[in-house]
């Protein structure tokens, strides 16, 4: 992408367009895109993920890195079979090709900010 075509962007989480994520066994998960691949450098994307109580993300792996920051709620993440408790302000780094799944084990929504890339 040409540097001249990039645009600054401000998005309120409540204004992001929610989409239910149901692929690969996910349930109770909503994605909220904040920066799509076609914006910015095109090398990474950023989205918030809202997992409702009892919800679970897809158990999956992908060839790009993923950096996650817990904004609210509590739960757990499983990384290549190893479980870790999660709470607000926790950070989770997922290297390429590492299987991972997020679960909400709390009473409130688990909200995670996820940056994924490089994707080029």
N, C-alpha and C. Protein backbone atom coordinates (compact mmCIF):
# COMPACT_ATOMS: atom_id res chain seq x y z
N UNK A 1 0.84 -1.17 0.00
CA UNK A 1 0.00 0.00 0.00
C UNK A 1 0.88 1.24 0.00
N UNK A 2 0.56 2.18 -0.80
CA UNK A 2 1.27 3.44 -0.89
C UNK A 2 1.04 4.27 0.37
N UNK A 3 2.12 4.84 0.92
CA UNK A 3 2.00 5.62 2.15
C UNK A 3 1.03 6.78 1.98
N UNK A 4 0.84 7.28 0.80
CA UNK A 4 -0.08 8.38 0.56
C UNK A 4 -1.54 7.97 0.67
N UNK A 5 -1.86 6.67 0.61
CA UNK A 5 -3.24 6.22 0.68
C UNK A 5 -3.66 5.82 2.09
N UNK A 6 -2.74 5.77 3.02
CA UNK A 6 -3.09 5.43 4.40
C UNK A 6 -3.81 6.59 5.04
N UNK A 7 -4.73 6.26 5.92
CA UNK A 7 -5.49 7.29 6.62
C UNK A 7 -5.48 6.99 8.11
N UNK A 8 -5.39 8.05 8.89
CA UNK A 8 -5.53 7.90 10.34
C UNK A 8 -6.96 7.45 10.64
N UNK A 9 -7.14 6.81 11.78
CA UNK A 9 -8.45 6.27 12.09
C UNK A 9 -8.66 6.27 13.60
N UNK A 10 -9.84 6.64 14.02
CA UNK A 10 -10.25 6.54 15.42
C UNK A 10 -11.57 5.79 15.44
N UNK A 11 -11.64 4.73 16.25
CA UNK A 11 -12.86 3.92 16.32
C UNK A 11 -13.20 3.68 17.79
N UNK A 12 -14.42 3.92 18.15
CA UNK A 12 -14.90 3.55 19.48
C UNK A 12 -15.32 2.08 19.41
N UNK A 13 -14.97 1.33 20.42
CA UNK A 13 -15.30 -0.10 20.42
C UNK A 13 -16.79 -0.31 20.21
N UNK A 14 -17.62 0.51 20.82
CA UNK A 14 -19.07 0.36 20.68
C UNK A 14 -19.56 0.65 19.26
N UNK A 15 -18.74 1.31 18.45
CA UNK A 15 -19.12 1.62 17.07
C UNK A 15 -18.58 0.61 16.05
N UNK A 16 -17.74 -0.33 16.49
CA UNK A 16 -17.22 -1.35 15.57
C UNK A 16 -18.36 -2.26 15.14
N UNK A 17 -18.30 -2.77 13.92
CA UNK A 17 -19.35 -3.63 13.38
C UNK A 17 -19.19 -5.06 13.88
N UNK A 18 -20.06 -5.50 14.79
CA UNK A 18 -19.90 -6.85 15.35
C UNK A 18 -20.26 -7.94 14.35
N UNK A 19 -19.53 -9.04 14.43
CA UNK A 19 -19.88 -10.22 13.63
C UNK A 19 -19.65 -11.46 14.50
N UNK A 20 -20.66 -12.32 14.52
CA UNK A 20 -20.56 -13.54 15.30
C UNK A 20 -19.53 -14.46 14.66
N UNK A 21 -18.69 -15.08 15.51
CA UNK A 21 -17.68 -16.01 15.03
C UNK A 21 -18.11 -17.41 15.45
N UNK A 22 -18.35 -18.27 14.46
CA UNK A 22 -18.82 -19.62 14.74
C UNK A 22 -17.94 -20.70 14.12
N UNK A 23 -16.91 -20.31 13.40
CA UNK A 23 -16.05 -21.27 12.70
C UNK A 23 -15.32 -22.18 13.67
N UNK A 24 -15.12 -23.40 13.28
CA UNK A 24 -14.28 -24.37 13.99
C UNK A 24 -14.67 -24.56 15.45
N UNK A 25 -15.97 -24.58 15.73
CA UNK A 25 -16.44 -24.88 17.09
C UNK A 25 -16.56 -23.69 18.02
N UNK A 26 -16.30 -22.49 17.52
CA UNK A 26 -16.45 -21.31 18.38
C UNK A 26 -17.92 -21.11 18.72
N UNK A 27 -18.19 -20.64 19.94
CA UNK A 27 -19.56 -20.31 20.33
C UNK A 27 -19.53 -19.18 21.35
N UNK A 28 -20.52 -18.30 21.24
CA UNK A 28 -20.59 -17.17 22.15
C UNK A 28 -19.48 -16.16 21.93
N UNK A 29 -19.00 -16.03 20.67
CA UNK A 29 -17.87 -15.16 20.35
C UNK A 29 -18.29 -14.13 19.30
N UNK A 30 -17.94 -12.87 19.55
CA UNK A 30 -18.23 -11.79 18.62
C UNK A 30 -16.93 -11.07 18.30
N UNK A 31 -16.66 -10.87 17.01
CA UNK A 31 -15.50 -10.11 16.57
C UNK A 31 -15.89 -8.67 16.28
N UNK A 32 -15.03 -7.75 16.68
CA UNK A 32 -15.28 -6.32 16.48
C UNK A 32 -14.05 -5.73 15.78
N UNK A 33 -14.06 -5.64 14.44
CA UNK A 33 -12.88 -5.17 13.71
C UNK A 33 -12.59 -3.70 13.99
N UNK A 34 -11.33 -3.41 14.29
CA UNK A 34 -10.89 -2.04 14.53
C UNK A 34 -9.98 -1.54 13.42
N UNK A 35 -9.10 -2.40 12.93
CA UNK A 35 -8.21 -2.07 11.80
C UNK A 35 -8.14 -3.31 10.92
N UNK A 36 -8.65 -3.19 9.71
CA UNK A 36 -8.65 -4.31 8.77
C UNK A 36 -7.33 -4.39 8.03
N UNK A 37 -7.07 -5.53 7.39
CA UNK A 37 -5.83 -5.72 6.64
C UNK A 37 -5.65 -4.68 5.54
N UNK A 38 -6.70 -4.23 4.91
CA UNK A 38 -6.61 -3.27 3.81
C UNK A 38 -6.35 -1.85 4.26
N UNK A 39 -6.33 -1.63 5.56
CA UNK A 39 -6.05 -0.31 6.10
C UNK A 39 -4.63 -0.29 6.66
N UNK A 40 -4.11 0.86 7.01
CA UNK A 40 -2.78 0.92 7.59
C UNK A 40 -1.74 0.34 6.66
N UNK A 41 -0.83 -0.45 7.18
CA UNK A 41 0.24 -1.03 6.37
C UNK A 41 -0.23 -2.22 5.57
N UNK A 42 -1.34 -2.82 6.00
CA UNK A 42 -1.82 -4.04 5.36
C UNK A 42 -1.12 -5.28 5.87
N UNK A 43 -0.19 -5.12 6.82
CA UNK A 43 0.58 -6.26 7.33
C UNK A 43 -0.07 -6.91 8.54
N UNK A 44 -0.96 -6.19 9.23
CA UNK A 44 -1.59 -6.76 10.41
C UNK A 44 -3.00 -6.20 10.53
N UNK A 45 -3.81 -6.87 11.34
CA UNK A 45 -5.13 -6.35 11.65
C UNK A 45 -5.31 -6.32 13.16
N UNK A 46 -6.28 -5.55 13.62
CA UNK A 46 -6.56 -5.42 15.04
C UNK A 46 -8.07 -5.53 15.22
N UNK A 47 -8.47 -6.33 16.19
CA UNK A 47 -9.89 -6.43 16.50
C UNK A 47 -10.06 -6.73 17.98
N UNK A 48 -11.21 -6.37 18.46
CA UNK A 48 -11.59 -6.78 19.80
C UNK A 48 -12.41 -8.05 19.64
N UNK A 49 -12.27 -8.95 20.58
CA UNK A 49 -13.04 -10.18 20.58
C UNK A 49 -13.80 -10.23 21.91
N UNK A 50 -15.11 -10.35 21.80
CA UNK A 50 -15.96 -10.43 22.99
C UNK A 50 -16.46 -11.87 23.12
N UNK A 51 -16.09 -12.52 24.22
CA UNK A 51 -16.52 -13.90 24.46
C UNK A 51 -17.50 -13.88 25.64
N UNK A 52 -18.72 -14.27 25.37
CA UNK A 52 -19.76 -14.25 26.39
C UNK A 52 -19.50 -15.34 27.44
N UNK A 53 -20.07 -15.20 28.64
CA UNK A 53 -19.88 -16.23 29.68
C UNK A 53 -20.20 -17.63 29.13
N UNK A 54 -19.28 -18.56 29.37
CA UNK A 54 -19.43 -19.92 28.86
C UNK A 54 -18.98 -20.09 27.42
N UNK A 55 -18.63 -18.99 26.75
CA UNK A 55 -18.23 -19.05 25.35
C UNK A 55 -16.80 -19.53 25.17
N UNK A 56 -16.50 -19.94 23.94
CA UNK A 56 -15.18 -20.46 23.62
C UNK A 56 -14.82 -20.09 22.18
N UNK A 57 -13.57 -19.68 21.97
CA UNK A 57 -13.10 -19.39 20.61
C UNK A 57 -12.81 -20.71 19.89
N UNK A 58 -12.53 -20.61 18.62
CA UNK A 58 -12.10 -21.79 17.87
C UNK A 58 -10.77 -22.29 18.43
N UNK A 59 -10.60 -23.59 18.44
CA UNK A 59 -9.32 -24.21 18.80
C UNK A 59 -8.55 -24.32 17.49
N UNK A 60 -7.56 -23.46 17.29
CA UNK A 60 -6.94 -23.34 15.97
C UNK A 60 -5.50 -22.87 16.07
N UNK A 61 -4.83 -22.89 14.92
CA UNK A 61 -3.48 -22.35 14.76
C UNK A 61 -3.45 -21.64 13.41
N UNK A 62 -2.53 -20.71 13.25
CA UNK A 62 -2.37 -20.01 11.98
C UNK A 62 -0.91 -19.60 11.81
N UNK A 63 -0.49 -19.28 10.58
CA UNK A 63 0.93 -19.02 10.31
C UNK A 63 1.41 -17.63 10.72
N UNK A 64 0.59 -16.82 11.36
CA UNK A 64 1.01 -15.49 11.79
C UNK A 64 1.00 -15.39 13.31
N UNK A 65 1.72 -14.40 13.81
CA UNK A 65 1.75 -14.12 15.25
C UNK A 65 0.43 -13.47 15.68
N UNK A 66 0.15 -13.58 16.96
CA UNK A 66 -1.04 -12.93 17.51
C UNK A 66 -0.70 -12.39 18.89
N UNK A 67 -0.94 -11.10 19.10
CA UNK A 67 -0.72 -10.47 20.40
C UNK A 67 -2.08 -10.10 20.96
N UNK A 68 -2.34 -10.51 22.20
CA UNK A 68 -3.66 -10.34 22.82
C UNK A 68 -3.53 -9.65 24.16
N UNK A 69 -4.43 -8.71 24.42
CA UNK A 69 -4.46 -8.01 25.70
C UNK A 69 -5.87 -8.08 26.25
N UNK A 70 -6.02 -8.56 27.48
CA UNK A 70 -7.34 -8.71 28.08
C UNK A 70 -7.79 -7.34 28.60
N UNK A 71 -8.89 -6.85 28.04
CA UNK A 71 -9.44 -5.55 28.42
C UNK A 71 -10.43 -5.68 29.58
N UNK A 72 -11.16 -6.80 29.63
CA UNK A 72 -12.18 -6.98 30.67
C UNK A 72 -12.50 -8.47 30.82
N UNK A 73 -13.00 -8.82 31.99
CA UNK A 73 -13.46 -10.18 32.23
C UNK A 73 -12.35 -11.11 32.69
N UNK A 74 -12.70 -12.38 32.70
CA UNK A 74 -11.75 -13.42 33.11
C UNK A 74 -12.02 -14.68 32.32
N UNK A 75 -11.03 -15.55 32.28
CA UNK A 75 -11.17 -16.79 31.54
C UNK A 75 -9.88 -17.56 31.55
N UNK A 76 -9.65 -18.28 30.46
CA UNK A 76 -8.41 -19.03 30.32
C UNK A 76 -8.04 -19.11 28.85
N UNK A 77 -6.75 -19.33 28.62
CA UNK A 77 -6.26 -19.59 27.28
C UNK A 77 -5.50 -20.90 27.35
N UNK A 78 -5.67 -21.70 26.31
CA UNK A 78 -4.91 -22.94 26.17
C UNK A 78 -3.97 -22.77 25.00
N UNK A 79 -2.66 -22.94 25.26
CA UNK A 79 -1.62 -22.79 24.25
C UNK A 79 -0.92 -24.13 24.09
N UNK A 80 -1.12 -24.78 22.93
CA UNK A 80 -0.55 -26.11 22.69
C UNK A 80 -0.80 -27.05 23.86
N UNK A 81 -2.04 -27.01 24.39
CA UNK A 81 -2.45 -27.93 25.44
C UNK A 81 -2.18 -27.48 26.86
N UNK A 82 -1.47 -26.36 27.04
CA UNK A 82 -1.17 -25.86 28.38
C UNK A 82 -2.12 -24.71 28.72
N UNK A 83 -2.86 -24.87 29.83
CA UNK A 83 -3.87 -23.88 30.21
C UNK A 83 -3.28 -22.81 31.13
N UNK A 84 -3.78 -21.57 30.92
CA UNK A 84 -3.37 -20.42 31.73
C UNK A 84 -4.61 -19.60 32.08
N UNK A 85 -4.75 -19.22 33.34
CA UNK A 85 -5.84 -18.34 33.75
C UNK A 85 -5.60 -16.95 33.19
N UNK A 86 -6.70 -16.25 32.90
CA UNK A 86 -6.62 -14.89 32.36
C UNK A 86 -7.50 -13.95 33.17
N UNK A 87 -7.05 -12.72 33.32
CA UNK A 87 -7.82 -11.67 33.95
C UNK A 87 -7.48 -10.35 33.27
N UNK A 88 -8.24 -9.33 33.60
CA UNK A 88 -8.02 -8.00 33.03
C UNK A 88 -6.55 -7.59 33.17
N UNK A 89 -6.03 -6.98 32.12
CA UNK A 89 -4.65 -6.49 32.02
C UNK A 89 -3.62 -7.57 31.75
N UNK A 90 -4.03 -8.82 31.51
CA UNK A 90 -3.09 -9.87 31.13
C UNK A 90 -2.78 -9.77 29.63
N UNK A 91 -1.59 -10.20 29.27
CA UNK A 91 -1.13 -10.21 27.89
C UNK A 91 -0.82 -11.65 27.48
N UNK A 92 -1.21 -12.02 26.26
CA UNK A 92 -0.95 -13.36 25.73
C UNK A 92 -0.33 -13.22 24.34
N UNK A 93 0.86 -13.77 24.17
CA UNK A 93 1.51 -13.81 22.86
C UNK A 93 1.38 -15.23 22.32
N UNK A 94 0.91 -15.34 21.08
CA UNK A 94 0.77 -16.64 20.42
C UNK A 94 1.70 -16.64 19.20
N UNK A 95 2.78 -17.43 19.24
CA UNK A 95 3.67 -17.52 18.08
C UNK A 95 2.97 -18.19 16.89
N UNK A 96 3.53 -18.06 15.69
CA UNK A 96 2.96 -18.74 14.53
C UNK A 96 2.84 -20.25 14.78
N UNK A 97 1.76 -20.82 14.26
CA UNK A 97 1.52 -22.27 14.26
C UNK A 97 1.32 -22.89 15.64
N UNK A 98 1.04 -22.09 16.66
CA UNK A 98 0.75 -22.62 18.00
C UNK A 98 -0.77 -22.72 18.15
N UNK A 99 -1.26 -23.91 18.48
CA UNK A 99 -2.70 -24.10 18.69
C UNK A 99 -3.12 -23.32 19.93
N UNK A 100 -4.25 -22.64 19.82
CA UNK A 100 -4.73 -21.85 20.94
C UNK A 100 -6.26 -21.76 20.94
N UNK A 101 -6.79 -21.62 22.14
CA UNK A 101 -8.23 -21.46 22.32
C UNK A 101 -8.44 -20.61 23.57
N UNK A 102 -9.38 -19.67 23.49
CA UNK A 102 -9.74 -18.82 24.63
C UNK A 102 -11.11 -19.26 25.14
N UNK A 103 -11.26 -19.31 26.46
CA UNK A 103 -12.53 -19.67 27.09
C UNK A 103 -12.91 -18.62 28.13
N UNK A 104 -14.18 -18.29 28.16
CA UNK A 104 -14.67 -17.41 29.21
C UNK A 104 -15.19 -18.28 30.35
N UNK A 105 -14.52 -18.23 31.48
CA UNK A 105 -14.92 -19.00 32.66
C UNK A 105 -15.56 -18.11 33.72
N UNK A 106 -15.74 -16.83 33.40
CA UNK A 106 -16.27 -15.88 34.35
C UNK A 106 -17.74 -15.59 34.14
N UNK A 107 -18.25 -14.64 34.91
CA UNK A 107 -19.67 -14.27 34.87
C UNK A 107 -19.94 -13.10 33.92
N UNK A 108 -18.89 -12.39 33.50
CA UNK A 108 -19.02 -11.24 32.60
C UNK A 108 -18.32 -11.55 31.28
N UNK A 109 -18.59 -10.71 30.26
CA UNK A 109 -17.91 -10.88 28.98
C UNK A 109 -16.40 -10.80 29.16
N UNK A 110 -15.68 -11.69 28.47
CA UNK A 110 -14.23 -11.64 28.35
C UNK A 110 -13.95 -10.85 27.08
N UNK A 111 -13.26 -9.71 27.20
CA UNK A 111 -12.99 -8.85 26.05
C UNK A 111 -11.49 -8.79 25.84
N UNK A 112 -11.06 -9.17 24.64
CA UNK A 112 -9.64 -9.26 24.30
C UNK A 112 -9.37 -8.38 23.09
N UNK A 113 -8.30 -7.61 23.16
CA UNK A 113 -7.81 -6.86 22.00
C UNK A 113 -6.76 -7.73 21.32
N UNK A 114 -6.97 -8.05 20.05
CA UNK A 114 -6.08 -8.96 19.33
C UNK A 114 -5.48 -8.28 18.11
N UNK A 115 -4.15 -8.31 18.01
CA UNK A 115 -3.44 -7.84 16.83
C UNK A 115 -2.80 -9.04 16.18
N UNK A 116 -3.06 -9.21 14.88
CA UNK A 116 -2.60 -10.41 14.17
C UNK A 116 -1.76 -10.01 12.97
N UNK A 117 -0.56 -10.59 12.87
CA UNK A 117 0.29 -10.29 11.74
C UNK A 117 1.71 -10.75 11.98
N UNK A 118 2.67 -10.53 11.11
CA UNK A 118 2.43 -9.95 9.80
C UNK A 118 1.68 -10.91 8.89
N UNK A 119 0.85 -10.35 8.05
CA UNK A 119 -0.01 -11.16 7.20
C UNK A 119 0.36 -11.04 5.73
N UNK A 120 1.45 -10.36 5.41
CA UNK A 120 1.83 -10.20 3.99
C UNK A 120 2.87 -11.21 3.60
